[in-house]
PDB file of N, CA and C in Angstrom:
ATOM      1  N   MET A   1       0.695  -1.240   0.593  1.00  0.00           N
ATOM      2  CA  MET A   1       0.284   0.358  -0.026  1.00  0.00           C
ATOM      3  C   MET A   1       0.606   1.663  -0.265  1.00  0.00           C
ATOM      4  N   LYS A   2       1.731   1.014  -0.325  1.00  0.00           N
ATOM      5  CA  LYS A   2       3.154   2.074  -0.731  1.00  0.00           C
ATOM      6  C   LYS A   2       2.655   3.074  -2.053  1.00  0.00           C
ATOM      7  N   ASP A   3       2.157   2.536  -2.841  1.00  0.00           N
ATOM      8  CA  ASP A   3       1.677   3.449  -3.823  1.00  0.00           C
ATOM      9  C   ASP A   3       0.204   4.715  -3.580  1.00  0.00           C
ATOM     10  N   LYS A   4       0.233   4.791  -2.244  1.00  0.00           N
ATOM     11  CA  LYS A   4      -1.585   5.568  -2.180  1.00  0.00           C
ATOM     12  C   LYS A   4      -1.376   6.294  -3.470  1.00  0.00           C
ATOM     13  N   LYS A   5      -2.525   7.345  -3.579  1.00  0.00           N
ATOM     14  CA  LYS A   5      -2.239   8.005  -4.942  1.00  0.00           C
ATOM     15  C   LYS A   5      -3.967   8.163  -4.367  1.00  0.00           C
ATOM     16  N   LEU A   6      -4.052   9.602  -4.521  1.00  0.00           N
ATOM     17  CA  LEU A   6      -5.583  10.919  -3.651  1.00  0.00           C
ATOM     18  C   LEU A   6      -5.940  10.662  -4.942  1.00  0.00           C
ATOM     19  N   VAL A   7      -7.765  10.311  -4.945  1.00  0.00           N
ATOM     20  CA  VAL A   7      -8.238  10.001  -6.721  1.00  0.00           C
ATOM     21  C   VAL A   7      -9.822  10.600  -6.303  1.00  0.00           C
ATOM     22  N   TRP A   8      -9.269  11.809  -5.238  1.00  0.00           N
ATOM     23  CA  TRP A   8     -11.013  12.520  -4.686  1.00  0.00           C
ATOM     24  C   TRP A   8     -10.521  13.411  -3.823  1.00  0.00           C
ATOM     25  N   SER A   9     -10.547  15.022  -4.015  1.00  0.00           N
ATOM     26  CA  SER A   9     -10.423  16.087  -2.956  1.00  0.00           C
ATOM     27  C   SER A   9     -12.193  16.612  -3.380  1.00  0.00           C
ATOM     28  N   ASP A  10     -12.745  17.702  -1.803  1.00  0.00           N
ATOM     29  CA  ASP A  10     -13.419  18.378  -1.714  1.00  0.00           C
ATOM     30  C   ASP A  10     -13.670  19.406  -3.465  1.00  0.00           C
ATOM     31  N   ASP A  11     -12.392  19.907  -2.770  1.00  0.00           N
ATOM     32  CA  ASP A  11     -12.360  21.170  -3.825  1.00  0.00           C
ATOM     33  C   ASP A  11     -12.555  21.101  -5.252  1.00  0.00           C
ATOM     34  N   LEU A  12     -11.077  19.951  -5.133  1.00  0.00           N
ATOM     35  CA  LEU A  12     -10.836  20.283  -7.856  1.00  0.00           C
ATOM     36  C   LEU A  12     -11.577  18.165  -7.656  1.00  0.00           C
ATOM     37  N   GLY A  13     -12.553  18.261  -6.612  1.00  0.00           N
ATOM     38  CA  GLY A  13     -13.217  16.744  -7.359  1.00  0.00           C
ATOM     39  C   GLY A  13     -12.029  15.351  -7.918  1.00  0.00           C
ATOM     40  N   ASP A  14     -12.825  14.832  -8.970  1.00  0.00           N
ATOM     41  CA  ASP A  14     -12.539  13.674  -9.301  1.00  0.00           C
ATOM     42  C   ASP A  14     -10.667  13.969  -9.532  1.00  0.00           C
ATOM     43  N   LEU A  15      -9.492  13.937  -9.471  1.00  0.00           N
ATOM     44  CA  LEU A  15      -8.267  14.024 -10.148  1.00  0.00           C
ATOM     45  C   LEU A  15      -7.705  12.558 -10.751  1.00  0.00           C
ATOM     46  N   ARG A  16      -8.607  11.900 -11.329  1.00  0.00           N
ATOM     47  CA  ARG A  16      -8.545  10.605 -11.951  1.00  0.00           C
ATOM     48  C   ARG A  16      -8.469  11.583 -13.741  1.00  0.00           C
ATOM     49  N   LYS A  17      -9.489  12.363 -13.258  1.00  0.00           N
ATOM     50  CA  LYS A  17      -9.596  12.768 -14.688  1.00  0.00           C
ATOM     51  C   LYS A  17      -8.812  14.049 -14.781  1.00  0.00           C
ATOM     52  N   SER A  18      -7.771  14.809 -15.224  1.00  0.00           N
ATOM     53  CA  SER A  18      -7.704  15.435 -14.785  1.00  0.00           C
ATOM     54  C   SER A  18      -7.501  16.271 -16.022  1.00  0.00           C
ATOM     55  N   LYS A  19      -7.211  17.747 -15.807  1.00  0.00           N
ATOM     56  CA  LYS A  19      -7.982  18.881 -16.523  1.00  0.00           C
ATOM     57  C   LYS A  19      -6.894  19.636 -17.194  1.00  0.00           C
ATOM     58  N   ASN A  20      -5.310  18.679 -17.318  1.00  0.00           N
ATOM     59  CA  ASN A  20      -4.133  19.921 -17.207  1.00  0.00           C
ATOM     60  C   ASN A  20      -4.074  19.157 -18.623  1.00  0.00           C
ATOM     61  N   SER A  21      -3.805  17.309 -19.268  1.00  0.00           N
ATOM     62  CA  SER A  21      -3.643  17.669 -20.024  1.00  0.00           C
ATOM     63  C   SER A  21      -4.365  16.949 -21.540  1.00  0.00           C
ATOM     64  N   THR A  22      -5.849  17.488 -21.546  1.00  0.00           N
ATOM     65  CA  THR A  22      -6.457  17.049 -22.707  1.00  0.00           C
ATOM     66  C   THR A  22      -6.278  17.734 -24.285  1.00  0.00           C
ATOM     67  N   PRO A  23      -5.957  17.282 -25.031  1.00  0.00           N
ATOM     68  CA  PRO A  23      -5.554  16.580 -26.101  1.00  0.00           C
ATOM     69  C   PRO A  23      -6.062  17.662 -27.307  1.00  0.00           C
ATOM     70  N   SER A  24      -7.176  18.210 -26.238  1.00  0.00           N
ATOM     71  CA  SER A  24      -7.871  19.878 -27.366  1.00  0.00           C
ATOM     72  C   SER A  24      -7.447  20.981 -27.174  1.00  0.00           C
ATOM     73  N   ASP A  25      -5.819  20.887 -26.415  1.00  0.00           N
ATOM     74  CA  ASP A  25      -4.876  22.093 -26.581  1.00  0.00           C
ATOM     75  C   ASP A  25      -3.863  21.854 -26.989  1.00  0.00           C
ATOM     76  N   ASP A  26      -3.495  20.695 -27.963  1.00  0.00           N
ATOM     77  CA  ASP A  26      -2.492  21.207 -28.664  1.00  0.00           C
ATOM     78  C   ASP A  26      -2.601  21.405 -30.160  1.00  0.00           C
ATOM     79  N   THR A  27      -1.546  22.984 -30.354  1.00  0.00           N
ATOM     80  CA  THR A  27      -1.363  24.055 -30.707  1.00  0.00           C
ATOM     81  C   THR A  27      -1.126  22.873 -32.419  1.00  0.00           C
ATOM     82  N   ILE A  28      -1.811  23.718 -32.767  1.00  0.00           N
ATOM     83  CA  ILE A  28      -1.526  22.288 -34.714  1.00  0.00           C
ATOM     84  C   ILE A  28      -0.415  23.919 -35.819  1.00  0.00           C
ATOM     85  N   ASP A  29       0.478  22.788 -35.924  1.00  0.00           N
ATOM     86  CA  ASP A  29       1.032  23.270 -37.358  1.00  0.00           C
ATOM     87  C   ASP A  29       0.668  22.760 -38.656  1.00  0.00           C
ATOM     88  N   GLU A  30      -0.232  23.584 -39.257  1.00  0.00           N
ATOM     89  CA  GLU A  30      -0.967  23.761 -40.116  1.00  0.00           C
ATOM     90  C   GLU A  30       0.186  23.185 -41.690  1.00  0.00           C
ATOM     91  N   SER A  31       1.412  23.401 -41.420  1.00  0.00           N
ATOM     92  CA  SER A  31       2.712  23.657 -42.204  1.00  0.00           C
ATOM     93  C   SER A  31       2.927  22.027 -42.191  1.00  0.00           C
ATOM     94  N   SER A  32       2.821  21.681 -41.655  1.00  0.00           N
ATOM     95  CA  SER A  32       2.725  20.781 -40.825  1.00  0.00           C
ATOM     96  C   SER A  32       1.943  18.650 -41.164  1.00  0.00           C
ATOM     97  N   ILE A  33       0.966  19.457 -41.503  1.00  0.00           N
ATOM     98  CA  ILE A  33      -0.299  18.577 -41.855  1.00  0.00           C
ATOM     99  C   ILE A  33      -0.005  17.725 -42.729  1.00  0.00           C
ATOM    100  N   CYS A  34       0.074  16.320 -42.873  1.00  0.00           N
ATOM    101  CA  CYS A  34      -0.492  15.872 -44.538  1.00  0.00           C
ATOM    102  C   CYS A  34      -0.983  15.042 -43.995  1.00  0.00           C
ATOM    103  N   LEU A  35      -2.341  15.079 -44.315  1.00  0.00           N
ATOM    104  CA  LEU A  35      -3.692  14.586 -43.993  1.00  0.00           C
ATOM    105  C   LEU A  35      -3.503  13.172 -45.649  1.00  0.00           C
ATOM    106  N   GLU A  36      -4.540  11.872 -44.830  1.00  0.00           N
ATOM    107  CA  GLU A  36      -4.705  11.076 -46.162  1.00  0.00           C
ATOM    108  C   GLU A  36      -6.005  10.677 -45.997  1.00  0.00           C
ATOM    109  N   ILE A  37      -6.533  11.273 -47.673  1.00  0.00           N
ATOM    110  CA  ILE A  37      -7.851  11.497 -48.086  1.00  0.00           C
ATOM    111  C   ILE A  37      -7.561   9.677 -48.745  1.00  0.00           C
ATOM    112  N   ARG A  38      -8.542   9.292 -48.798  1.00  0.00           N
ATOM    113  CA  ARG A  38      -9.020   8.025 -49.278  1.00  0.00           C
ATOM    114  C   ARG A  38     -10.723   8.283 -50.032  1.00  0.00           C
ATOM    115  N   ARG A  39     -11.472   7.116 -50.876  1.00  0.00           N
ATOM    116  CA  ARG A  39     -12.690   6.817 -51.697  1.00  0.00           C
ATOM    117  C   ARG A  39     -12.833   5.484 -51.351  1.00  0.00           C
ATOM    118  N   LEU A  40     -13.721   5.820 -50.822  1.00  0.00           N
ATOM    119  CA  LEU A  40     -14.102   4.294 -50.246  1.00  0.00           C
ATOM    120  C   LEU A  40     -15.880   3.869 -50.663  1.00  0.00           C
ATOM    121  N   THR A  41     -16.126   2.700 -50.626  1.00  0.00           N
ATOM    122  CA  THR A  41     -17.698   2.431 -51.351  1.00  0.00           C
ATOM    123  C   THR A  41     -18.091   1.288 -50.561  1.00  0.00           C
ATOM    124  N   SER A  42     -19.273   1.033 -50.584  1.00  0.00           N
ATOM    125  CA  SER A  42     -20.164   0.825 -49.627  1.00  0.00           C
ATOM    126  C   SER A  42     -20.418  -0.893 -50.685  1.00  0.00           C
ATOM    127  N   GLY A  43     -21.812  -2.068 -50.228  1.00  0.00           N
ATOM    128  CA  GLY A  43     -21.606  -2.583 -51.588  1.00  0.00           C
ATOM    129  C   GLY A  43     -22.830  -1.788 -52.138  1.00  0.00           C
ATOM    130  N   LYS A  44     -23.188  -1.097 -51.638  1.00  0.00           N
ATOM    131  CA  LYS A  44     -24.688  -0.179 -52.185  1.00  0.00           C
ATOM    132  C   LYS A  44     -24.402   0.506 -53.338  1.00  0.00           C
ATOM    133  N   GLY A  45     -23.011   1.084 -52.976  1.00  0.00           N
ATOM    134  CA  GLY A  45     -21.941   1.773 -54.442  1.00  0.00           C
ATOM    135  C   GLY A  45     -22.480   3.753 -53.635  1.00  0.00           C
ATOM    136  N   ARG A  46     -22.654   3.424 -52.534  1.00  0.00           N
ATOM    137  CA  ARG A  46     -22.267   4.627 -51.939  1.00  0.00           C
ATOM    138  C   ARG A  46     -20.903   4.910 -51.631  1.00  0.00           C
ATOM    139  N   THR A  47     -20.728   6.639 -51.689  1.00  0.00           N
ATOM    140  CA  THR A  47     -19.219   6.736 -51.845  1.00  0.00           C
ATOM    141  C   THR A  47     -19.011   7.630 -50.036  1.00  0.00           C
ATOM    142  N   VAL A  48     -17.945   7.437 -49.344  1.00  0.00           N
ATOM    143  CA  VAL A  48     -17.451   8.097 -48.649  1.00  0.00           C
ATOM    144  C   VAL A  48     -16.634   8.539 -48.716  1.00  0.00           C
ATOM    145  N   ILE A  49     -16.492  10.143 -48.608  1.00  0.00           N
ATOM    146  CA  ILE A  49     -14.696  10.059 -47.980  1.00  0.00           C
ATOM    147  C   ILE A  49     -13.825  10.213 -46.861  1.00  0.00           C
ATOM    148  N   GLU A  50     -12.503   9.641 -46.732  1.00  0.00           N
ATOM    149  CA  GLU A  50     -12.472   9.846 -45.907  1.00  0.00           C
ATOM    150  C   GLU A  50     -10.978  10.037 -45.471  1.00  0.00           C
ATOM    151  N   ILE A  51     -11.122  11.483 -44.163  1.00  0.00           N
ATOM    152  CA  ILE A  51      -9.693  11.839 -43.879  1.00  0.00           C
ATOM    153  C   ILE A  51      -8.603  11.563 -43.192  1.00  0.00           C
ATOM    154  N   LYS A  52      -8.167  10.933 -42.889  1.00  0.00           N
ATOM    155  CA  LYS A  52      -7.206  10.213 -42.157  1.00  0.00           C
ATOM    156  C   LYS A  52      -5.776  11.377 -41.490  1.00  0.00           C
ATOM    157  N   GLY A  53      -5.115  10.968 -40.575  1.00  0.00           N
ATOM    158  CA  GLY A  53      -4.016  11.682 -40.280  1.00  0.00           C
ATOM    159  C   GLY A  53      -4.315  12.481 -39.568  1.00  0.00           C
ATOM    160  N   LEU A  54      -5.558  13.146 -38.827  1.00  0.00           N
ATOM    161  CA  LEU A  54      -6.162  13.898 -38.120  1.00  0.00           C
ATOM    162  C   LEU A  54      -4.780  14.489 -37.100  1.00  0.00           C
ATOM    163  N   PRO A  55      -4.206  15.764 -37.132  1.00  0.00           N
ATOM    164  CA  PRO A  55      -3.624  16.477 -35.667  1.00  0.00           C
ATOM    165  C   PRO A  55      -4.092  15.934 -34.599  1.00  0.00           C
ATOM    166  N   ASN A  56      -3.918  16.001 -33.605  1.00  0.00           N
ATOM    167  CA  ASN A  56      -4.414  16.018 -31.650  1.00  0.00           C
ATOM    168  C   ASN A  56      -5.189  17.068 -31.529  1.00  0.00           C
ATOM    169  N   ASN A  57      -6.153  17.401 -31.692  1.00  0.00           N
ATOM    170  CA  ASN A  57      -6.697  18.785 -32.038  1.00  0.00           C
ATOM    171  C   ASN A  57      -8.587  18.463 -31.858  1.00  0.00           C
ATOM    172  N   LYS A  58      -9.082  18.446 -31.201  1.00  0.00           N
ATOM    173  CA  LYS A  58     -10.593  18.058 -31.557  1.00  0.00           C
ATOM    174  C   LYS A  58     -11.978  18.678 -32.219  1.00  0.00           C
ATOM    175  N   ALA A  59     -11.010  20.455 -31.478  1.00  0.00           N
ATOM    176  CA  ALA A  59     -12.113  22.114 -31.625  1.00  0.00           C
ATOM    177  C   ALA A  59     -11.474  21.922 -33.078  1.00  0.00           C
ATOM    178  N   TRP A  60      -9.835  21.533 -33.699  1.00  0.00           N
ATOM    179  CA  TRP A  60     -10.172  22.186 -34.611  1.00  0.00           C
ATOM    180  C   TRP A  60     -10.104  21.379 -35.898  1.00  0.00           C
ATOM    181  N   ASN A  61     -10.559  20.145 -35.429  1.00  0.00           N
ATOM    182  CA  ASN A  61     -10.694  18.825 -36.490  1.00  0.00           C
ATOM    183  C   ASN A  61     -12.023  18.896 -36.476  1.00  0.00           C
ATOM    184  N   LYS A  62     -12.725  19.273 -35.767  1.00  0.00           N
ATOM    185  CA  LYS A  62     -14.588  19.624 -35.616  1.00  0.00           C
ATOM    186  C   LYS A  62     -14.920  21.252 -36.972  1.00  0.00           C
ATOM    187  N   LYS A  63     -14.002  21.611 -36.647  1.00  0.00           N
ATOM    188  CA  LYS A  63     -13.594  22.313 -37.685  1.00  0.00           C
ATOM    189  C   LYS A  63     -13.839  22.656 -38.968  1.00  0.00           C
ATOM    190  N   LEU A  64     -12.567  21.730 -39.540  1.00  0.00           N
ATOM    191  CA  LEU A  64     -12.082  21.499 -40.637  1.00  0.00           C
ATOM    192  C   LEU A  64     -13.423  20.937 -40.563  1.00  0.00           C
ATOM    193  N   ALA A  65     -14.348  20.040 -40.680  1.00  0.00           N
ATOM    194  CA  ALA A  65     -15.117  18.625 -41.175  1.00  0.00           C
ATOM    195  C   ALA A  65     -16.325  19.754 -41.089  1.00  0.00           C
ATOM    196  N   LYS A  66     -16.617  21.222 -40.358  1.00  0.00           N
ATOM    197  CA  LYS A  66     -17.889  21.246 -40.547  1.00  0.00           C
ATOM    198  C   LYS A  66     -17.934  22.254 -41.773  1.00  0.00           C
ATOM    199  N   ASN A  67     -16.365  22.825 -41.948  1.00  0.00           N
ATOM    200  CA  ASN A  67     -16.216  24.039 -42.931  1.00  0.00           C
ATOM    201  C   ASN A  67     -16.278  22.918 -44.350  1.00  0.00           C
ATOM    202  N   LEU A  68     -15.070  21.593 -44.416  1.00  0.00           N
ATOM    203  CA  LEU A  68     -15.791  21.085 -45.875  1.00  0.00           C
ATOM    204  C   LEU A  68     -17.220  20.913 -46.278  1.00  0.00           C
ATOM    205  N   LYS A  69     -18.061  19.899 -44.974  1.00  0.00           N
ATOM    206  CA  LYS A  69     -19.528  19.939 -45.286  1.00  0.00           C
ATOM    207  C   LYS A  69     -20.047  21.294 -45.707  1.00  0.00           C
ATOM    208  N   LYS A  70     -20.030  22.225 -44.997  1.00  0.00           N
ATOM    209  CA  LYS A  70     -20.561  23.595 -45.421  1.00  0.00           C
ATOM    210  C   LYS A  70     -20.076  23.617 -46.561  1.00  0.00           C
ATOM    211  N   LYS A  71     -18.391  23.619 -47.033  1.00  0.00           N
ATOM    212  CA  LYS A  71     -18.294  24.545 -48.756  1.00  0.00           C
ATOM    213  C   LYS A  71     -18.729  23.537 -49.823  1.00  0.00           C
ATOM    214  N   LEU A  72     -18.638  22.696 -49.522  1.00  0.00           N
ATOM    215  CA  LEU A  72     -18.879  21.590 -50.444  1.00  0.00           C
ATOM    216  C   LEU A  72     -20.446  21.228 -50.482  1.00  0.00           C
ATOM    217  N   GLY A  73     -21.316  21.848 -49.394  1.00  0.00           N
ATOM    218  CA  GLY A  73     -23.055  21.159 -49.773  1.00  0.00           C
ATOM    219  C   GLY A  73     -23.397  19.732 -49.398  1.00  0.00           C
ATOM    220  N   VAL A  74     -22.278  18.808 -48.977  1.00  0.00           N
ATOM    221  CA  VAL A  74     -22.851  17.563 -48.378  1.00  0.00           C
ATOM    222  C   VAL A  74     -23.038  17.181 -47.433  1.00  0.00           C
ATOM    223  N   GLY A  75     -23.350  15.839 -46.375  1.00  0.00           N
ATOM    224  CA  GLY A  75     -23.179  15.302 -45.509  1.00  0.00           C
ATOM    225  C   GLY A  75     -22.007  15.129 -45.098  1.00  0.00           C
ATOM    226  N   GLY A  76     -22.117  14.651 -43.904  1.00  0.00           N
ATOM    227  CA  GLY A  76     -21.116  14.173 -43.276  1.00  0.00           C
ATOM    228  C   GLY A  76     -20.652  13.958 -41.399  1.00  0.00           C
ATOM    229  N   ALA A  77     -19.473  14.123 -41.033  1.00  0.00           N
ATOM    230  CA  ALA A  77     -18.871  13.623 -39.685  1.00  0.00           C
ATOM    231  C   ALA A  77     -17.677  14.206 -39.706  1.00  0.00           C
ATOM    232  N   TYR A  78     -17.641  14.402 -38.069  1.00  0.00           N
ATOM    233  CA  TYR A  78     -16.307  14.167 -37.454  1.00  0.00           C
ATOM    234  C   TYR A  78     -16.240  12.964 -36.416  1.00  0.00           C
ATOM    235  N   LYS A  79     -16.300  11.971 -36.234  1.00  0.00           N
ATOM    236  CA  LYS A  79     -15.764  10.898 -35.890  1.00  0.00           C
ATOM    237  C   LYS A  79     -14.326  11.143 -35.105  1.00  0.00           C
ATOM    238  N   ASP A  80     -14.045   9.448 -34.017  1.00  0.00           N
ATOM    239  CA  ASP A  80     -12.570   9.362 -33.659  1.00  0.00           C
ATOM    240  C   ASP A  80     -11.630  10.043 -33.985  1.00  0.00           C
ATOM    241  N   ASN A  81     -10.915   9.204 -35.363  1.00  0.00           N
ATOM    242  CA  ASN A  81      -9.404  10.188 -35.364  1.00  0.00           C
ATOM    243  C   ASN A  81      -9.898   9.932 -36.801  1.00  0.00           C
ATOM    244  N   TYR A  82     -10.534   9.671 -37.518  1.00  0.00           N
ATOM    245  CA  TYR A  82     -11.154  10.766 -39.011  1.00  0.00           C
ATOM    246  C   TYR A  82     -12.199  11.599 -39.811  1.00  0.00           C
ATOM    247  N   ILE A  83     -12.031  11.860 -40.922  1.00  0.00           N
ATOM    248  CA  ILE A  83     -13.132  12.970 -41.761  1.00  0.00           C
ATOM    249  C   ILE A  83     -14.459  12.139 -42.707  1.00  0.00           C
ATOM    250  N   GLU A  84     -15.145  11.888 -42.623  1.00  0.00           N
ATOM    251  CA  GLU A  84     -16.030  11.544 -43.553  1.00  0.00           C
ATOM    252  C   GLU A  84     -17.011  11.555 -43.557  1.00  0.00           C
ATOM    253  N   ILE A  85     -16.898  12.544 -45.468  1.00  0.00           N
ATOM    254  CA  ILE A  85     -17.800  13.512 -46.528  1.00  0.00           C
ATOM    255  C   ILE A  85     -18.267  12.033 -47.250  1.00  0.00           C
ATOM    256  N   HIS A  86     -19.385  12.846 -47.645  1.00  0.00           N
ATOM    257  CA  HIS A  86     -20.310  11.508 -48.334  1.00  0.00           C
ATOM    258  C   HIS A  86     -20.593  11.933 -49.727  1.00  0.00           C
ATOM    259  N   GLY A  87     -20.950  11.217 -50.312  1.00  0.00           N
ATOM    260  CA  GLY A  87     -21.008  10.862 -51.850  1.00  0.00           C
ATOM    261  C   GLY A  87     -19.422  11.273 -52.188  1.00  0.00           C
ATOM    262  N   GLU A  88     -19.277  11.465 -53.999  1.00  0.00           N
ATOM    263  CA  GLU A  88     -18.686  11.609 -54.856  1.00  0.00           C
ATOM    264  C   GLU A  88     -17.734  12.748 -54.456  1.00  0.00           C
ATOM    265  N   LYS A  89     -17.095  13.109 -53.867  1.00  0.00           N
ATOM    266  CA  LYS A  89     -15.974  14.490 -54.234  1.00  0.00           C
ATOM    267  C   LYS A  89     -14.640  14.530 -53.637  1.00  0.00           C
ATOM    268  N   ILE A  90     -14.232  13.773 -54.266  1.00  0.00           N
ATOM    269  CA  ILE A  90     -12.629  13.555 -53.745  1.00  0.00           C
ATOM    270  C   ILE A  90     -11.776  14.602 -54.466  1.00  0.00           C
ATOM    271  N   GLU A  91     -12.500  15.307 -55.057  1.00  0.00           N
ATOM    272  CA  GLU A  91     -11.840  16.582 -55.594  1.00  0.00           C
ATOM    273  C   GLU A  91     -12.241  18.012 -55.275  1.00  0.00           C
ATOM    274  N   PRO A  92     -13.243  17.624 -55.318  1.00  0.00           N
ATOM    275  CA  PRO A  92     -13.812  19.102 -54.093  1.00  0.00           C
ATOM    276  C   PRO A  92     -12.595  19.260 -53.086  1.00  0.00           C
ATOM    277  N   VAL A  93     -13.021  18.034 -52.270  1.00  0.00           N
ATOM    278  CA  VAL A  93     -12.366  17.747 -51.002  1.00  0.00           C
ATOM    279  C   VAL A  93     -10.584  18.135 -50.970  1.00  0.00           C
ATOM    280  N   LYS A  94      -9.836  17.706 -52.101  1.00  0.00           N
ATOM    281  CA  LYS A  94      -8.530  18.691 -52.523  1.00  0.00           C
ATOM    282  C   LYS A  94      -7.743  19.765 -52.959  1.00  0.00           C
ATOM    283  N   SER A  95      -9.204  20.193 -54.024  1.00  0.00           N
ATOM    284  CA  SER A  95      -8.576  20.840 -54.537  1.00  0.00           C
ATOM    285  C   SER A  95      -9.917  22.902 -52.979  1.00  0.00           C
ATOM    286  N   TYR A  96     -10.203  21.593 -52.060  1.00  0.00           N
ATOM    287  CA  TYR A  96     -10.481  22.526 -50.475  1.00  0.00           C
ATOM    288  C   TYR A  96      -9.582  22.830 -49.867  1.00  0.00           C
ATOM    289  N   LEU A  97      -9.102  21.886 -49.359  1.00  0.00           N
ATOM    290  CA  LEU A  97      -7.420  21.439 -48.862  1.00  0.00           C
ATOM    291  C   LEU A  97      -6.390  21.871 -49.242  1.00  0.00           C
ATOM    292  N   GLU A  98      -6.357  22.170 -50.830  1.00  0.00           N
ATOM    293  CA  GLU A  98      -4.718  22.865 -51.505  1.00  0.00           C
ATOM    294  C   GLU A  98      -5.290  24.786 -51.139  1.00  0.00           C
ATOM    295  N   SER A  99      -6.591  25.023 -51.597  1.00  0.00           N
ATOM    296  CA  SER A  99      -7.380  26.297 -51.022  1.00  0.00           C
ATOM    297  C   SER A  99      -6.712  26.669 -49.945  1.00  0.00           C
ATOM    298  N   ILE A 100      -6.665  26.242 -48.569  1.00  0.00           N
ATOM    299  CA  ILE A 100      -6.522  26.317 -47.101  1.00  0.00           C
ATOM    300  C   ILE A 100      -4.793  25.496 -46.909  1.00  0.00           C
ATOM    301  N   ASN A 101      -4.238  25.804 -47.774  1.00  0.00           N
ATOM    302  CA  ASN A 101      -2.630  25.416 -47.812  1.00  0.00           C
ATOM    303  C   ASN A 101      -1.919  23.887 -46.382  1.00  0.00           C
ATOM    304  N   ILE A 102      -2.591  23.098 -46.797  1.00  0.00           N
ATOM    305  CA  ILE A 102      -2.608  21.089 -46.103  1.00  0.00           C
ATOM    306  C   ILE A 102      -2.499  20.946 -46.984  1.00  0.00           C
ATOM    307  N   LYS A 103      -1.907  19.903 -46.558  1.00  0.00           N
ATOM    308  CA  LYS A 103      -0.867  18.539 -47.590  1.00  0.00           C
ATOM    309  C   LYS A 103      -2.035  17.781 -46.691  1.00  0.00           C
ATOM    310  N   PHE A 104      -1.560  16.472 -48.040  1.00  0.00           N
ATOM    311  CA  PHE A 104      -2.512  15.866 -47.872  1.00  0.00           C
ATOM    312  C   PHE A 104      -2.198  14.910 -48.982  1.00  0.00           C
ATOM    313  N   LYS A 105      -2.293  12.940 -49.356  1.00  0.00           N
ATOM    314  CA  LYS A 105      -1.670  13.044 -50.033  1.00  0.00           C
ATOM    315  C   LYS A 105      -3.080  12.051 -50.700  1.00  0.00           C
ATOM    316  N   GLN A 106      -3.079  11.240 -51.693  1.00  0.00           N
ATOM    317  CA  GLN A 106      -4.252  10.215 -51.758  1.00  0.00           C
ATOM    318  C   GLN A 106      -3.990   8.878 -51.531  1.00  0.00           C
ATOM    319  N   THR A 107      -5.016   8.396 -50.547  1.00  0.00           N
ATOM    320  CA  THR A 107      -4.602   6.465 -50.617  1.00  0.00           C
ATOM    321  C   THR A 107      -5.329   5.404 -51.267  1.00  0.00           C
ATOM    322  N   GLY A 108      -5.410   3.895 -52.071  1.00  0.00           N
ATOM    323  CA  GLY A 108      -6.886   4.037 -52.588  1.00  0.00           C
ATOM    324  C   GLY A 108      -7.038   4.057 -53.730  1.00  0.00           C
ATOM    325  N   GLY A 109      -8.158   3.944 -53.941  1.00  0.00           N
ATOM    326  CA  GLY A 109      -8.595   4.090 -55.261  1.00  0.00           C
ATOM    327  C   GLY A 109      -9.101   5.531 -55.359  1.00  0.00           C
TER     328      GLY A 109
END
């Protein structure tokens, strides 16, 4: 019982949920980002553009997903570690990322 850790404090609450090191606080250097874009199709022919290699900043990723969907006029979502854009929109996604100076590489088909 030598390694006892304080897990609850009346003043600070649950100390296991550290508020000091959240991944959303990482700063983003957009010139060093290289995203991976790939086109996926399901069995019924639905096409989805998947963007991976995102930085560790949830707010920045959500903003990028929102701006992409708004610019292209399509649906999509930001999930755990990737952005999903609905529809056959690989070329518009590439041109949008080029316009905001974010590097990318296309993988797959």
